[in-house]
Amino acid sequence: MSAADTLEHLVKMANQIGSFFESMQDHEKALSDIATHLKRYWDPRMRRALLEHVAKDGGTDLRPMVLEAVKKHEAMLTPAKAVSSQ
């Protein structure tokens, strides 16, 4: 799978998550729940790729609520830096 295919798949999955939470009446809770889901269930490399996509390309292919959640909760979604064991 190419990098473009992988990114397209991540965007599709993020948008599916967003469509589930869009029905919530509490917008702020929905944003938090989207970010929490991504943090809890996505591998750090997946989150990093999504964050880089938003930073580099604007994430215009993401549902508006997903894009808002990623931007608002960027700190939570940013994977911790690996610690060297030297």
Protein backbone atom coordinates (compact mmCIF):
# COMPACT_ATOMS: atom_id res chain seq x y z
CA MET A 1 0.00 0.00 0.00
CA SER A 2 1.44 3.38 -0.99
CA ALA A 3 1.69 6.34 1.39
CA ALA A 4 -1.15 8.05 -0.48
CA ASP A 5 -3.34 4.96 -0.15
CA THR A 6 -2.54 4.71 3.55
CA LEU A 7 -3.41 8.37 4.11
CA GLU A 8 -6.63 7.99 2.13
CA HIS A 9 -7.55 5.02 4.33
CA LEU A 10 -6.79 6.98 7.53
CA VAL A 11 -8.94 9.89 6.34
CA LYS A 12 -11.78 7.50 5.50
CA MET A 13 -11.60 5.88 8.95
CA ALA A 14 -11.40 9.26 10.72
CA ASN A 15 -14.44 10.46 8.77
CA GLN A 16 -16.38 7.33 9.73
CA ILE A 17 -15.57 7.99 13.39
CA GLY A 18 -16.67 11.59 12.94
CA SER A 19 -19.96 10.63 11.33
CA PHE A 20 -20.78 8.50 14.37
CA PHE A 21 -20.16 11.34 16.83
CA GLU A 22 -21.84 14.06 14.72
CA SER A 23 -25.24 13.01 16.04
CA MET A 24 -24.31 14.02 19.59
CA GLN A 25 -26.13 17.11 20.81
CA ASP A 26 -23.16 18.35 22.86
CA HIS A 27 -20.70 19.59 20.23
CA GLU A 28 -17.76 19.99 22.63
CA LYS A 29 -18.29 16.47 24.01
CA ALA A 30 -18.38 15.12 20.47
CA LEU A 31 -15.05 16.80 19.68
CA SER A 32 -13.54 15.38 22.84
CA ASP A 33 -14.94 11.91 22.13
CA ILE A 34 -13.52 11.89 18.59
CA ALA A 35 -10.08 12.80 19.89
CA THR A 36 -10.32 10.29 22.73
CA HIS A 37 -11.28 7.54 20.29
CA LEU A 38 -8.31 8.36 18.05
CA LYS A 39 -5.95 8.47 21.02
CA ARG A 40 -7.23 5.22 22.50
CA TYR A 41 -7.58 3.06 19.40
CA TRP A 42 -5.17 4.42 16.79
CA ASP A 43 -1.51 3.49 16.71
CA PRO A 44 0.77 6.50 17.34
CA ARG A 45 2.04 6.28 13.74
CA MET A 46 -1.53 6.61 12.47
CA ARG A 47 -2.17 9.65 14.66
CA ARG A 48 1.13 11.21 13.59
CA ALA A 49 0.25 10.72 9.91
CA LEU A 50 -3.16 12.33 10.43
CA LEU A 51 -1.67 15.28 12.31
CA GLU A 52 0.98 15.77 9.61
CA HIS A 53 -1.73 15.66 6.94
CA VAL A 54 -3.70 18.39 8.72
CA ALA A 55 -0.57 20.53 9.24
CA LYS A 56 0.75 20.09 5.71
CA ASP A 57 -2.37 19.84 3.56
CA GLY A 58 -5.02 21.46 5.75
CA GLY A 59 -7.06 18.29 6.17
CA THR A 60 -9.75 19.59 3.83
CA ASP A 61 -10.78 16.02 3.01
CA LEU A 62 -11.77 15.45 6.65
CA ARG A 63 -15.31 16.02 7.87
CA PRO A 64 -15.47 19.47 9.50
CA MET A 65 -16.07 18.01 12.96
CA VAL A 66 -13.09 15.65 12.64
CA LEU A 67 -10.84 18.48 11.49
CA GLU A 68 -12.02 20.64 14.39
CA ALA A 69 -11.43 17.81 16.87
CA VAL A 70 -7.92 17.13 15.55
CA LYS A 71 -6.97 20.82 15.71
CA LYS A 72 -8.53 21.41 19.12
CA HIS A 73 -7.03 18.29 20.71
CA GLU A 74 -3.70 18.23 18.86
CA ALA A 75 -1.70 18.02 22.09
CA MET A 76 -3.63 14.94 23.24
CA LEU A 77 -3.26 13.27 19.84
CA THR A 78 0.45 13.95 19.43
CA PRO A 79 2.38 10.77 20.19
CA ALA A 80 5.03 10.94 22.89
CA LYS A 81 8.58 11.06 21.62
CA ALA A 82 10.45 7.78 21.87
CA VAL A 83 12.99 7.71 24.68
CA SER A 84 16.42 6.40 23.81
CA SER A 85 17.64 3.54 26.00
CA GLN A 86 21.32 4.52 25.85
